[in-house]
Amino acid sequence: MVGETTPLTPKHPIDIAAELKVPVLGLYGGSDDGIPVETVEQMRSSIKYGNTTSEIILYPDTPHAFFADYRPSSRKKQAEDGWKRLQDWFKKNGVA
């Protein structure tokens, strides 16, 4: 969501969050070594300045790839909750 800018990545999600025209659903693990909680909270704050129904969900004590049931990082409870939220989000936003 954040990072150094380069010619290939002149902007990152945090840079455009307030300008989004469509809703985004983010499901993140609080113990993800690659995406710090501080970054998730920055994104959550930034999307509030936009005009969408975007949502950022943070699952405490949950690692990266918690949805991947073939990996040791899989977390059944969080994945099931995320799946339900995703389906509800699609319905709410006219996708399903």
PDB file of N, CA and C in Angstrom:
ATOM      1  N   MET A   1       0.806  -1.194   0.000  1.00  0.00           N
ATOM      2  CA  MET A   1       0.000   0.000   0.000  1.00  0.00           C
ATOM      3  C   MET A   1       0.849   1.257   0.000  1.00  0.00           C
ATOM      4  N   VAL A   2       2.064   1.131   0.471  1.00  0.00           N
ATOM      5  CA  VAL A   2       2.995   2.255   0.501  1.00  0.00           C
ATOM      6  C   VAL A   2       4.331   1.796  -0.059  1.00  0.00           C
ATOM      7  N   GLY A   3       5.180   2.730  -0.372  1.00  0.00           N
ATOM      8  CA  GLY A   3       6.507   2.367  -0.849  1.00  0.00           C
ATOM      9  C   GLY A   3       7.169   3.519  -1.564  1.00  0.00           C
ATOM     10  N   GLU A   4       8.382   3.253  -1.991  1.00  0.00           N
ATOM     11  CA  GLU A   4       9.137   4.236  -2.753  1.00  0.00           C
ATOM     12  C   GLU A   4       8.522   4.353  -4.146  1.00  0.00           C
ATOM     13  N   THR A   5       8.516   5.558  -4.680  1.00  0.00           N
ATOM     14  CA  THR A   5       8.011   5.727  -6.035  1.00  0.00           C
ATOM     15  C   THR A   5       9.129   5.433  -7.033  1.00  0.00           C
ATOM     16  N   THR A   6       8.734   4.845  -8.136  1.00  0.00           N
ATOM     17  CA  THR A   6       9.649   4.530  -9.228  1.00  0.00           C
ATOM     18  C   THR A   6       8.907   4.829 -10.527  1.00  0.00           C
ATOM     19  N   PRO A   7       9.598   4.799 -11.655  1.00  0.00           N
ATOM     20  CA  PRO A   7       8.885   5.000 -12.921  1.00  0.00           C
ATOM     21  C   PRO A   7       7.772   3.959 -13.138  1.00  0.00           C
ATOM     22  N   LEU A   8       7.949   2.745 -12.630  1.00  0.00           N
ATOM     23  CA  LEU A   8       6.923   1.715 -12.782  1.00  0.00           C
ATOM     24  C   LEU A   8       5.813   1.820 -11.743  1.00  0.00           C
ATOM     25  N   THR A   9       6.119   2.395 -10.594  1.00  0.00           N
ATOM     26  CA  THR A   9       5.115   2.576  -9.539  1.00  0.00           C
ATOM     27  C   THR A   9       5.175   4.026  -9.051  1.00  0.00           C
ATOM     28  N   PRO A  10       4.657   4.950  -9.871  1.00  0.00           N
ATOM     29  CA  PRO A  10       4.712   6.358  -9.485  1.00  0.00           C
ATOM     30  C   PRO A  10       3.785   6.699  -8.319  1.00  0.00           C
ATOM     31  N   LYS A  11       2.775   5.870  -8.099  1.00  0.00           N
ATOM     32  CA  LYS A  11       1.853   6.063  -6.979  1.00  0.00           C
ATOM     33  C   LYS A  11       1.517   4.705  -6.379  1.00  0.00           C
ATOM     34  N   HIS A  12       1.169   4.740  -5.115  1.00  0.00           N
ATOM     35  CA  HIS A  12       0.757   3.545  -4.395  1.00  0.00           C
ATOM     36  C   HIS A  12      -0.674   3.748  -3.900  1.00  0.00           C
ATOM     37  N   PRO A  13      -1.336   2.693  -3.477  1.00  0.00           N
ATOM     38  CA  PRO A  13      -2.733   2.831  -3.030  1.00  0.00           C
ATOM     39  C   PRO A  13      -2.959   3.955  -2.024  1.00  0.00           C
ATOM     40  N   ILE A  14      -2.064   4.129  -1.086  1.00  0.00           N
ATOM     41  CA  ILE A  14      -2.236   5.180  -0.077  1.00  0.00           C
ATOM     42  C   ILE A  14      -2.270   6.566  -0.722  1.00  0.00           C
ATOM     43  N   ASP A  15      -1.568   6.716  -1.849  1.00  0.00           N
ATOM     44  CA  ASP A  15      -1.498   8.005  -2.538  1.00  0.00           C
ATOM     45  C   ASP A  15      -2.795   8.384  -3.235  1.00  0.00           C
ATOM     46  N   ILE A  16      -3.618   7.412  -3.566  1.00  0.00           N
ATOM     47  CA  ILE A  16      -4.855   7.692  -4.305  1.00  0.00           C
ATOM     48  C   ILE A  16      -6.118   7.318  -3.525  1.00  0.00           C
ATOM     49  N   ALA A  17      -5.962   6.884  -2.312  1.00  0.00           N
ATOM     50  CA  ALA A  17      -7.103   6.392  -1.526  1.00  0.00           C
ATOM     51  C   ALA A  17      -8.239   7.404  -1.441  1.00  0.00           C
ATOM     52  N   ALA A  18      -7.922   8.649  -1.205  1.00  0.00           N
ATOM     53  CA  ALA A  18      -8.965   9.666  -1.071  1.00  0.00           C
ATOM     54  C   ALA A  18      -9.616  10.011  -2.403  1.00  0.00           C
ATOM     55  N   GLU A  19      -9.009   9.601  -3.516  1.00  0.00           N
ATOM     56  CA  GLU A  19      -9.538   9.907  -4.849  1.00  0.00           C
ATOM     57  C   GLU A  19     -10.340   8.750  -5.451  1.00  0.00           C
ATOM     58  N   LEU A  20     -10.433   7.636  -4.749  1.00  0.00           N
ATOM     59  CA  LEU A  20     -11.130   6.474  -5.294  1.00  0.00           C
ATOM     60  C   LEU A  20     -12.568   6.805  -5.651  1.00  0.00           C
ATOM     61  N   LYS A  21     -13.012   6.263  -6.765  1.00  0.00           N
ATOM     62  CA  LYS A  21     -14.381   6.483  -7.225  1.00  0.00           C
ATOM     63  C   LYS A  21     -15.234   5.226  -7.053  1.00  0.00           C
ATOM     64  N   VAL A  22     -14.597   4.130  -6.714  1.00  0.00           N
ATOM     65  CA  VAL A  22     -15.294   2.864  -6.494  1.00  0.00           C
ATOM     66  C   VAL A  22     -14.916   2.336  -5.121  1.00  0.00           C
ATOM     67  N   PRO A  23     -15.782   1.563  -4.495  1.00  0.00           N
ATOM     68  CA  PRO A  23     -15.462   1.019  -3.173  1.00  0.00           C
ATOM     69  C   PRO A  23     -14.434  -0.112  -3.251  1.00  0.00           C
ATOM     70  N   VAL A  24     -13.662  -0.231  -2.197  1.00  0.00           N
ATOM     71  CA  VAL A  24     -12.641  -1.267  -2.062  1.00  0.00           C
ATOM     72  C   VAL A  24     -12.855  -1.970  -0.727  1.00  0.00           C
ATOM     73  N   LEU A  25     -12.668  -3.276  -0.722  1.00  0.00           N
ATOM     74  CA  LEU A  25     -12.705  -4.046   0.515  1.00  0.00           C
ATOM     75  C   LEU A  25     -11.314  -4.596   0.757  1.00  0.00           C
ATOM     76  N   GLY A  26     -10.731  -4.272   1.897  1.00  0.00           N
ATOM     77  CA  GLY A  26      -9.421  -4.795   2.258  1.00  0.00           C
ATOM     78  C   GLY A  26      -9.531  -5.696   3.466  1.00  0.00           C
ATOM     79  N   LEU A  27      -8.989  -6.901   3.364  1.00  0.00           N
ATOM     80  CA  LEU A  27      -8.987  -7.863   4.465  1.00  0.00           C
ATOM     81  C   LEU A  27      -7.527  -8.146   4.816  1.00  0.00           C
ATOM     82  N   TYR A  28      -7.086  -7.708   5.986  1.00  0.00           N
ATOM     83  CA  TYR A  28      -5.678  -7.783   6.350  1.00  0.00           C
ATOM     84  C   TYR A  28      -5.471  -8.502   7.672  1.00  0.00           C
ATOM     85  N   GLY A  29      -4.321  -9.141   7.789  1.00  0.00           N
ATOM     86  CA  GLY A  29      -3.933  -9.805   9.021  1.00  0.00           C
ATOM     87  C   GLY A  29      -3.090  -8.891   9.887  1.00  0.00           C
ATOM     88  N   GLY A  30      -3.411  -8.817  11.145  1.00  0.00           N
ATOM     89  CA  GLY A  30      -2.687  -7.967  12.079  1.00  0.00           C
ATOM     90  C   GLY A  30      -1.269  -8.415  12.371  1.00  0.00           C
ATOM     91  N   SER A  31      -0.944  -9.660  12.026  1.00  0.00           N
ATOM     92  CA  SER A  31       0.418 -10.182  12.226  1.00  0.00           C
ATOM     93  C   SER A  31       1.123 -10.407  10.897  1.00  0.00           C
ATOM     94  N   ASP A  32       0.688  -9.708   9.863  1.00  0.00           N
ATOM     95  CA  ASP A  32       1.306  -9.823   8.542  1.00  0.00           C
ATOM     96  C   ASP A  32       2.645  -9.104   8.572  1.00  0.00           C
ATOM     97  N   ASP A  33       3.737  -9.836   8.353  1.00  0.00           N
ATOM     98  CA  ASP A  33       5.071  -9.246   8.384  1.00  0.00           C
ATOM     99  C   ASP A  33       5.323  -8.317   7.199  1.00  0.00           C
ATOM    100  N   GLY A  34       4.584  -8.486   6.122  1.00  0.00           N
ATOM    101  CA  GLY A  34       4.801  -7.684   4.925  1.00  0.00           C
ATOM    102  C   GLY A  34       3.958  -6.422   4.849  1.00  0.00           C
ATOM    103  N   ILE A  35       2.876  -6.382   5.590  1.00  0.00           N
ATOM    104  CA  ILE A  35       1.988  -5.219   5.579  1.00  0.00           C
ATOM    105  C   ILE A  35       1.763  -4.806   7.043  1.00  0.00           C
ATOM    106  N   PRO A  36       2.543  -3.865   7.521  1.00  0.00           N
ATOM    107  CA  PRO A  36       2.431  -3.463   8.924  1.00  0.00           C
ATOM    108  C   PRO A  36       1.057  -2.876   9.264  1.00  0.00           C
ATOM    109  N   VAL A  37       0.630  -3.085  10.495  1.00  0.00           N
ATOM    110  CA  VAL A  37      -0.655  -2.569  10.972  1.00  0.00           C
ATOM    111  C   VAL A  37      -0.727  -1.056  10.774  1.00  0.00           C
ATOM    112  N   GLU A  38       0.383  -0.368  10.983  1.00  0.00           N
ATOM    113  CA  GLU A  38       0.395   1.088  10.822  1.00  0.00           C
ATOM    114  C   GLU A  38      -0.001   1.482   9.392  1.00  0.00           C
ATOM    115  N   THR A  39       0.453   0.697   8.422  1.00  0.00           N
ATOM    116  CA  THR A  39       0.116   0.960   7.027  1.00  0.00           C
ATOM    117  C   THR A  39      -1.370   0.719   6.779  1.00  0.00           C
ATOM    118  N   VAL A  40      -1.904  -0.349   7.339  1.00  0.00           N
ATOM    119  CA  VAL A  40      -3.332  -0.649   7.195  1.00  0.00           C
ATOM    120  C   VAL A  40      -4.153   0.488   7.802  1.00  0.00           C
ATOM    121  N   GLU A  41      -3.744   0.965   8.964  1.00  0.00           N
ATOM    122  CA  GLU A  41      -4.463   2.060   9.618  1.00  0.00           C
ATOM    123  C   GLU A  41      -4.356   3.354   8.808  1.00  0.00           C
ATOM    124  N   GLN A  42      -3.216   3.591   8.180  1.00  0.00           N
ATOM    125  CA  GLN A  42      -3.070   4.764   7.306  1.00  0.00           C
ATOM    126  C   GLN A  42      -4.064   4.688   6.153  1.00  0.00           C
ATOM    127  N   MET A  43      -4.166   3.511   5.562  1.00  0.00           N
ATOM    128  CA  MET A  43      -5.090   3.328   4.447  1.00  0.00           C
ATOM    129  C   MET A  43      -6.521   3.512   4.926  1.00  0.00           C
ATOM    130  N   ARG A  44      -6.835   2.945   6.057  1.00  0.00           N
ATOM    131  CA  ARG A  44      -8.190   3.083   6.615  1.00  0.00           C
ATOM    132  C   ARG A  44      -8.535   4.559   6.822  1.00  0.00           C
ATOM    133  N   SER A  45      -7.611   5.327   7.325  1.00  0.00           N
ATOM    134  CA  SER A  45      -7.833   6.762   7.537  1.00  0.00           C
ATOM    135  C   SER A  45      -7.960   7.500   6.211  1.00  0.00           C
ATOM    136  N   SER A  46      -7.120   7.157   5.250  1.00  0.00           N
ATOM    137  CA  SER A  46      -7.117   7.854   3.961  1.00  0.00           C
ATOM    138  C   SER A  46      -8.396   7.643   3.173  1.00  0.00           C
ATOM    139  N   ILE A  47      -8.956   6.437   3.214  1.00  0.00           N
ATOM    140  CA  ILE A  47     -10.174   6.200   2.427  1.00  0.00           C
ATOM    141  C   ILE A  47     -11.370   6.962   2.978  1.00  0.00           C
ATOM    142  N   LYS A  48     -11.297   7.372   4.226  1.00  0.00           N
ATOM    143  CA  LYS A  48     -12.397   8.139   4.807  1.00  0.00           C
ATOM    144  C   LYS A  48     -12.550   9.506   4.150  1.00  0.00           C
ATOM    145  N   TYR A  49     -11.477  10.001   3.544  1.00  0.00           N
ATOM    146  CA  TYR A  49     -11.531  11.303   2.878  1.00  0.00           C
ATOM    147  C   TYR A  49     -12.162  11.200   1.488  1.00  0.00           C
ATOM    148  N   GLY A  50     -12.337  10.002   1.007  1.00  0.00           N
ATOM    149  CA  GLY A  50     -12.945   9.791  -0.298  1.00  0.00           C
ATOM    150  C   GLY A  50     -14.451   9.736  -0.204  1.00  0.00           C
ATOM    151  N   ASN A  51     -15.066   9.437  -1.336  1.00  0.00           N
ATOM    152  CA  ASN A  51     -16.518   9.390  -1.396  1.00  0.00           C
ATOM    153  C   ASN A  51     -16.976   7.999  -1.824  1.00  0.00           C
ATOM    154  N   THR A  52     -16.519   6.976  -1.092  1.00  0.00           N
ATOM    155  CA  THR A  52     -16.906   5.603  -1.393  1.00  0.00           C
ATOM    156  C   THR A  52     -17.328   4.910  -0.109  1.00  0.00           C
ATOM    157  N   THR A  53     -17.811   3.702  -0.268  1.00  0.00           N
ATOM    158  CA  THR A  53     -18.167   2.886   0.894  1.00  0.00           C
ATOM    159  C   THR A  53     -17.074   1.856   1.156  1.00  0.00           C
ATOM    160  N   SER A  54     -15.831   2.241   0.916  1.00  0.00           N
ATOM    161  CA  SER A  54     -14.703   1.326   1.114  1.00  0.00           C
ATOM    162  C   SER A  54     -14.612   0.896   2.567  1.00  0.00           C
ATOM    163  N   GLU A  55     -14.113  -0.321   2.755  1.00  0.00           N
ATOM    164  CA  GLU A  55     -13.954  -0.878   4.097  1.00  0.00           C
ATOM    165  C   GLU A  55     -12.593  -1.546   4.212  1.00  0.00           C
ATOM    166  N   ILE A  56     -11.956  -1.360   5.353  1.00  0.00           N
ATOM    167  CA  ILE A  56     -10.701  -2.039   5.660  1.00  0.00           C
ATOM    168  C   ILE A  56     -10.940  -2.842   6.935  1.00  0.00           C
ATOM    169  N   ILE A  57     -10.750  -4.146   6.860  1.00  0.00           N
ATOM    170  CA  ILE A  57     -10.940  -5.039   8.001  1.00  0.00           C
ATOM    171  C   ILE A  57      -9.562  -5.565   8.406  1.00  0.00           C
ATOM    172  N   LEU A  58      -9.270  -5.485   9.683  1.00  0.00           N
ATOM    173  CA  LEU A  58      -7.994  -5.972  10.213  1.00  0.00           C
ATOM    174  C   LEU A  58      -8.280  -7.082  11.226  1.00  0.00           C
ATOM    175  N   TYR A  59      -7.760  -8.260  10.940  1.00  0.00           N
ATOM    176  CA  TYR A  59      -7.924  -9.404  11.846  1.00  0.00           C
ATOM    177  C   TYR A  59      -6.703  -9.484  12.760  1.00  0.00           C
ATOM    178  N   PRO A  60      -6.876  -9.208  14.061  1.00  0.00           N
ATOM    179  CA  PRO A  60      -5.749  -9.247  14.992  1.00  0.00           C
ATOM    180  C   PRO A  60      -5.107 -10.635  15.057  1.00  0.00           C
ATOM    181  N   ASP A  61      -3.837 -10.656  15.326  1.00  0.00           N
ATOM    182  CA  ASP A  61      -3.093 -11.919  15.506  1.00  0.00           C
ATOM    183  C   ASP A  61      -3.285 -12.879  14.331  1.00  0.00           C
ATOM    184  N   THR A  62      -3.366 -12.345  13.136  1.00  0.00           N
ATOM    185  CA  THR A  62      -3.595 -13.152  11.940  1.00  0.00           C
ATOM    186  C   THR A  62      -2.479 -12.876  10.941  1.00  0.00           C
ATOM    187  N   PRO A  63      -1.840 -13.931  10.413  1.00  0.00           N
ATOM    188  CA  PRO A  63      -0.710 -13.745   9.500  1.00  0.00           C
ATOM    189  C   PRO A  63      -1.142 -13.462   8.057  1.00  0.00           C
ATOM    190  N   HIS A  64      -0.148 -13.204   7.234  1.00  0.00           N
ATOM    191  CA  HIS A  64      -0.349 -13.033   5.800  1.00  0.00           C
ATOM    192  C   HIS A  64      -0.892 -14.344   5.212  1.00  0.00           C
ATOM    193  N   ALA A  65      -1.691 -14.246   4.189  1.00  0.00           N
ATOM    194  CA  ALA A  65      -2.239 -15.409   3.461  1.00  0.00           C
ATOM    195  C   ALA A  65      -3.126 -16.283   4.345  1.00  0.00           C
ATOM    196  N   PHE A  66      -3.851 -15.657   5.253  1.00  0.00           N
ATOM    197  CA  PHE A  66      -4.741 -16.429   6.143  1.00  0.00           C
ATOM    198  C   PHE A  66      -5.883 -17.088   5.384  1.00  0.00           C
ATOM    199  N   PHE A  67      -6.139 -16.642   4.171  1.00  0.00           N
ATOM    200  CA  PHE A  67      -7.218 -17.186   3.361  1.00  0.00           C
ATOM    201  C   PHE A  67      -6.791 -18.426   2.574  1.00  0.00           C
ATOM    202  N   ALA A  68      -5.489 -18.642   2.459  1.00  0.00           N
ATOM    203  CA  ALA A  68      -4.960 -19.747   1.642  1.00  0.00           C
ATOM    204  C   ALA A  68      -4.980 -21.044   2.438  1.00  0.00           C
ATOM    205  N   ASP A  69      -6.000 -21.867   2.225  1.00  0.00           N
ATOM    206  CA  ASP A  69      -6.179 -23.072   3.039  1.00  0.00           C
ATOM    207  C   ASP A  69      -5.114 -24.142   2.795  1.00  0.00           C
ATOM    208  N   TYR A  70      -4.249 -23.945   1.838  1.00  0.00           N
ATOM    209  CA  TYR A  70      -3.167 -24.882   1.551  1.00  0.00           C
ATOM    210  C   TYR A  70      -1.849 -24.458   2.197  1.00  0.00           C
ATOM    211  N   ARG A  71      -1.868 -23.368   2.964  1.00  0.00           N
ATOM    212  CA  ARG A  71      -0.647 -22.871   3.598  1.00  0.00           C
ATOM    213  C   ARG A  71      -0.751 -22.973   5.115  1.00  0.00           C
ATOM    214  N   PRO A  72       0.380 -23.080   5.785  1.00  0.00           N
ATOM    215  CA  PRO A  72       0.357 -23.126   7.252  1.00  0.00           C
ATOM    216  C   PRO A  72      -0.209 -21.851   7.884  1.00  0.00           C
ATOM    217  N   SER A  73      -0.193 -20.752   7.154  1.00  0.00           N
ATOM    218  CA  SER A  73      -0.706 -19.480   7.670  1.00  0.00           C
ATOM    219  C   SER A  73      -2.227 -19.396   7.642  1.00  0.00           C
ATOM    220  N   SER A  74      -2.875 -20.398   7.085  1.00  0.00           N
ATOM    221  CA  SER A  74      -4.332 -20.413   6.974  1.00  0.00           C
ATOM    222  C   SER A  74      -4.984 -20.297   8.345  1.00  0.00           C
ATOM    223  N   ARG A  75      -6.039 -19.484   8.403  1.00  0.00           N
ATOM    224  CA  ARG A  75      -6.823 -19.329   9.625  1.00  0.00           C
ATOM    225  C   ARG A  75      -8.293 -19.470   9.253  1.00  0.00           C
ATOM    226  N   LYS A  76      -8.868 -20.617   9.575  1.00  0.00           N
ATOM    227  CA  LYS A  76     -10.229 -20.962   9.153  1.00  0.00           C
ATOM    228  C   LYS A  76     -11.271 -19.936   9.597  1.00  0.00           C
ATOM    229  N   LYS A  77     -11.256 -19.560  10.858  1.00  0.00           N
ATOM    230  CA  LYS A  77     -12.263 -18.636  11.389  1.00  0.00           C
ATOM    231  C   LYS A  77     -12.210 -17.286  10.661  1.00  0.00           C
ATOM    232  N   GLN A  78     -11.015 -16.735  10.512  1.00  0.00           N
ATOM    233  CA  GLN A  78     -10.866 -15.442   9.852  1.00  0.00           C
ATOM    234  C   GLN A  78     -11.207 -15.540   8.367  1.00  0.00           C
ATOM    235  N   ALA A  79     -10.820 -16.642   7.732  1.00  0.00           N
ATOM    236  CA  ALA A  79     -11.121 -16.825   6.311  1.00  0.00           C
ATOM    237  C   ALA A  79     -12.629 -16.930   6.090  1.00  0.00           C
ATOM    238  N   GLU A  80     -13.316 -17.651   6.951  1.00  0.00           N
ATOM    239  CA  GLU A  80     -14.768 -17.770   6.823  1.00  0.00           C
ATOM    240  C   GLU A  80     -15.444 -16.416   7.025  1.00  0.00           C
ATOM    241  N   ASP A  81     -14.966 -15.656   8.006  1.00  0.00           N
ATOM    242  CA  ASP A  81     -15.519 -14.327   8.230  1.00  0.00           C
ATOM    243  C   ASP A  81     -15.239 -13.431   7.023  1.00  0.00           C
ATOM    244  N   GLY A  82     -14.023 -13.483   6.507  1.00  0.00           N
ATOM    245  CA  GLY A  82     -13.660 -12.692   5.337  1.00  0.00           C
ATOM    246  C   GLY A  82     -14.500 -13.050   4.125  1.00  0.00           C
ATOM    247  N   TRP A  83     -14.742 -14.339   3.923  1.00  0.00           N
ATOM    248  CA  TRP A  83     -15.560 -14.794   2.798  1.00  0.00           C
ATOM    249  C   TRP A  83     -16.986 -14.256   2.904  1.00  0.00           C
ATOM    250  N   LYS A  84     -17.548 -14.303   4.107  1.00  0.00           N
ATOM    251  CA  LYS A  84     -18.890 -13.767   4.327  1.00  0.00           C
ATOM    252  C   LYS A  84     -18.909 -12.265   4.069  1.00  0.00           C
ATOM    253  N   ARG A  85     -17.917 -11.562   4.581  1.00  0.00           N
ATOM    254  CA  ARG A  85     -17.838 -10.113   4.363  1.00  0.00           C
ATOM    255  C   ARG A  85     -17.719  -9.794   2.873  1.00  0.00           C
ATOM    256  N   LEU A  86     -16.921 -10.587   2.167  1.00  0.00           N
ATOM    257  CA  LEU A  86     -16.738 -10.377   0.730  1.00  0.00           C
ATOM    258  C   LEU A  86     -18.059 -10.551  -0.016  1.00  0.00           C
ATOM    259  N   GLN A  87     -18.769 -11.628   0.283  1.00  0.00           N
ATOM    260  CA  GLN A  87     -20.052 -11.861  -0.378  1.00  0.00           C
ATOM    261  C   GLN A  87     -21.056 -10.740  -0.065  1.00  0.00           C
ATOM    262  N   ASP A  88     -21.121 -10.327   1.207  1.00  0.00           N
ATOM    263  CA  ASP A  88     -22.012  -9.232   1.596  1.00  0.00           C
ATOM    264  C   ASP A  88     -21.616  -7.940   0.898  1.00  0.00           C
ATOM    265  N   TRP A  89     -20.302  -7.704   0.793  1.00  0.00           N
ATOM    266  CA  TRP A  89     -19.792  -6.496   0.149  1.00  0.00           C
ATOM    267  C   TRP A  89     -20.182  -6.466  -1.326  1.00  0.00           C
ATOM    268  N   PHE A  90     -20.056  -7.630  -2.001  1.00  0.00           N
ATOM    269  CA  PHE A  90     -20.462  -7.712  -3.408  1.00  0.00           C
ATOM    270  C   PHE A  90     -21.947  -7.370  -3.553  1.00  0.00           C
ATOM    271  N   LYS A  91     -22.786  -7.948  -2.712  1.00  0.00           N
ATOM    272  CA  LYS A  91     -24.230  -7.678  -2.779  1.00  0.00           C
ATOM    273  C   LYS A  91     -24.526  -6.201  -2.526  1.00  0.00           C
ATOM    274  N   LYS A  92     -23.892  -5.656  -1.506  1.00  0.00           N
ATOM    275  CA  LYS A  92     -24.103  -4.259  -1.127  1.00  0.00           C
ATOM    276  C   LYS A  92     -23.696  -3.309  -2.250  1.00  0.00           C
ATOM    277  N   ASN A  93     -22.687  -3.687  -3.025  1.00  0.00           N
ATOM    278  CA  ASN A  93     -22.154  -2.818  -4.062  1.00  0.00           C
ATOM    279  C   ASN A  93     -22.598  -3.207  -5.463  1.00  0.00           C
ATOM    280  N   GLY A  94     -23.635  -4.038  -5.567  1.00  0.00           N
ATOM    281  CA  GLY A  94     -24.247  -4.347  -6.842  1.00  0.00           C
ATOM    282  C   GLY A  94     -23.462  -5.265  -7.748  1.00  0.00           C
ATOM    283  N   VAL A  95     -22.597  -6.073  -7.177  1.00  0.00           N
ATOM    284  CA  VAL A  95     -21.789  -6.985  -8.001  1.00  0.00           C
ATOM    285  C   VAL A  95     -22.421  -8.374  -8.066  1.00  0.00           C
ATOM    286  N   ALA A  96     -23.087  -8.776  -7.017  1.00  0.00           N
ATOM    287  CA  ALA A  96     -23.686 -10.123  -6.991  1.00  0.00           C
ATOM    288  C   ALA A  96     -25.192 -10.024  -6.877  1.00  0.00           C
TER     289      ALA A  96
END
